[in-house]
Amino acid sequence: MEPIEVALADMDALKPGEKLVYTQVAKRFSVDRRILARRHQGLTTSRAICYQNQQALHPRQEIELIQCIDRTSK
């Protein structure tokens, strides 16, 4: 798991009313504060998810297509 994902999980685990300081969390997990804040606020996503959204088929659909091709080619 990437450090930013760990930092996001740590922030999501905060109890209601606990103070969230992006700078402190970013330093603790060695990630960029601006990226952490944008990802936490839902303004951006990871590159992997971005690339996945641009694919013609969902990864699960790719697997099913390959399995279908394998079955019909035997």
C-alpha atoms as a PDB file:
ATOM      1  CA  MET A   1       0.000   0.000   0.000  1.00  0.00           C
ATOM      2  CA  GLU A   2       1.331   3.437  -0.889  1.00  0.00           C
ATOM      3  CA  PRO A   3       2.093   5.937   1.905  1.00  0.00           C
ATOM      4  CA  ILE A   4      -0.688   8.270   0.772  1.00  0.00           C
ATOM      5  CA  GLU A   5      -3.218   5.429   1.011  1.00  0.00           C
ATOM      6  CA  VAL A   6      -2.023   4.666   4.539  1.00  0.00           C
ATOM      7  CA  ALA A   7      -2.287   8.352   5.453  1.00  0.00           C
ATOM      8  CA  LEU A   8      -5.846   8.533   4.073  1.00  0.00           C
ATOM      9  CA  ALA A   9      -6.826   5.430   6.046  1.00  0.00           C
ATOM     10  CA  ASP A  10      -5.326   6.968   9.182  1.00  0.00           C
ATOM     11  CA  MET A  11      -7.336  10.161   8.669  1.00  0.00           C
ATOM     12  CA  ASP A  12     -10.530   8.191   8.062  1.00  0.00           C
ATOM     13  CA  ALA A  13      -9.966   6.399  11.375  1.00  0.00           C
ATOM     14  CA  LEU A  14     -10.113   9.676  13.333  1.00  0.00           C
ATOM     15  CA  LYS A  15     -12.990   9.941  15.745  1.00  0.00           C
ATOM     16  CA  PRO A  16     -15.597  12.683  15.266  1.00  0.00           C
ATOM     17  CA  GLY A  17     -14.392  15.887  16.839  1.00  0.00           C
ATOM     18  CA  GLU A  18     -10.688  15.028  16.574  1.00  0.00           C
ATOM     19  CA  LYS A  19      -8.689  17.784  14.956  1.00  0.00           C
ATOM     20  CA  LEU A  20      -7.347  16.993  11.492  1.00  0.00           C
ATOM     21  CA  VAL A  21      -4.176  18.821  10.492  1.00  0.00           C
ATOM     22  CA  TYR A  22      -3.047  17.884   6.991  1.00  0.00           C
ATOM     23  CA  THR A  23       0.474  19.162   7.591  1.00  0.00           C
ATOM     24  CA  GLN A  24       1.030  16.862  10.578  1.00  0.00           C
ATOM     25  CA  VAL A  25      -0.366  13.809   8.810  1.00  0.00           C
ATOM     26  CA  ALA A  26       1.654  14.566   5.673  1.00  0.00           C
ATOM     27  CA  LYS A  27       4.881  14.815   7.678  1.00  0.00           C
ATOM     28  CA  ARG A  28       4.159  11.618   9.596  1.00  0.00           C
ATOM     29  CA  PHE A  29       3.668   9.617   6.384  1.00  0.00           C
ATOM     30  CA  SER A  30       6.143  11.581   4.201  1.00  0.00           C
ATOM     31  CA  VAL A  31       3.611  12.667   1.594  1.00  0.00           C
ATOM     32  CA  ASP A  32       2.838  16.011  -0.038  1.00  0.00           C
ATOM     33  CA  ARG A  33       0.330  17.981   2.039  1.00  0.00           C
ATOM     34  CA  ARG A  34      -1.496  19.430  -0.982  1.00  0.00           C
ATOM     35  CA  ILE A  35      -1.955  16.049  -2.650  1.00  0.00           C
ATOM     36  CA  LEU A  36      -3.104  14.527   0.642  1.00  0.00           C
ATOM     37  CA  ALA A  37      -5.677  17.275   1.185  1.00  0.00           C
ATOM     38  CA  ARG A  38      -7.020  17.051  -2.382  1.00  0.00           C
ATOM     39  CA  ARG A  39      -7.299  13.271  -2.225  1.00  0.00           C
ATOM     40  CA  HIS A  40      -8.996  13.402   1.200  1.00  0.00           C
ATOM     41  CA  GLN A  41     -11.490  16.000   0.005  1.00  0.00           C
ATOM     42  CA  GLY A  42     -12.282  13.918  -3.092  1.00  0.00           C
ATOM     43  CA  LEU A  43     -10.999  16.520  -5.533  1.00  0.00           C
ATOM     44  CA  THR A  44      -8.502  14.118  -7.140  1.00  0.00           C
ATOM     45  CA  THR A  45      -7.890  10.379  -7.372  1.00  0.00           C
ATOM     46  CA  SER A  46      -4.828   8.222  -7.782  1.00  0.00           C
ATOM     47  CA  ARG A  47      -3.275   7.805 -11.216  1.00  0.00           C
ATOM     48  CA  ALA A  48      -4.110   4.107 -11.180  1.00  0.00           C
ATOM     49  CA  ILE A  49      -7.818   4.849 -10.745  1.00  0.00           C
ATOM     50  CA  CYS A  50      -7.622   7.576 -13.375  1.00  0.00           C
ATOM     51  CA  TYR A  51      -6.084   5.163 -15.877  1.00  0.00           C
ATOM     52  CA  GLN A  52      -8.608   2.489 -14.954  1.00  0.00           C
ATOM     53  CA  ASN A  53     -11.478   4.892 -15.683  1.00  0.00           C
ATOM     54  CA  GLN A  54     -10.047   5.551 -19.154  1.00  0.00           C
ATOM     55  CA  GLN A  55      -9.980   1.883 -20.125  1.00  0.00           C
ATOM     56  CA  ALA A  56     -12.550   0.565 -22.577  1.00  0.00           C
ATOM     57  CA  LEU A  57     -13.207  -2.464 -20.371  1.00  0.00           C
ATOM     58  CA  HIS A  58     -13.218  -2.841 -16.616  1.00  0.00           C
ATOM     59  CA  PRO A  59     -10.402  -5.148 -15.430  1.00  0.00           C
ATOM     60  CA  ARG A  60     -12.960  -7.797 -14.448  1.00  0.00           C
ATOM     61  CA  GLN A  61     -14.464  -7.622 -17.954  1.00  0.00           C
ATOM     62  CA  GLU A  62     -10.983  -8.106 -19.426  1.00  0.00           C
ATOM     63  CA  ILE A  63     -10.504 -11.267 -17.373  1.00  0.00           C
ATOM     64  CA  GLU A  64     -13.901 -12.628 -18.435  1.00  0.00           C
ATOM     65  CA  LEU A  65     -13.161 -11.855 -22.094  1.00  0.00           C
ATOM     66  CA  ILE A  66      -9.809 -13.659 -21.903  1.00  0.00           C
ATOM     67  CA  GLN A  67     -11.466 -16.664 -20.270  1.00  0.00           C
ATOM     68  CA  CYS A  68     -14.132 -16.726 -22.978  1.00  0.00           C
ATOM     69  CA  ILE A  69     -11.504 -16.562 -25.722  1.00  0.00           C
ATOM     70  CA  ASP A  70      -9.533 -19.348 -24.047  1.00  0.00           C
ATOM     71  CA  ARG A  71     -12.629 -21.578 -23.841  1.00  0.00           C
ATOM     72  CA  THR A  72     -13.636 -21.044 -27.461  1.00  0.00           C
ATOM     73  CA  SER A  73     -10.121 -21.489 -28.862  1.00  0.00           C
ATOM     74  CA  LYS A  74      -9.630 -24.973 -27.357  1.00  0.00           C
END
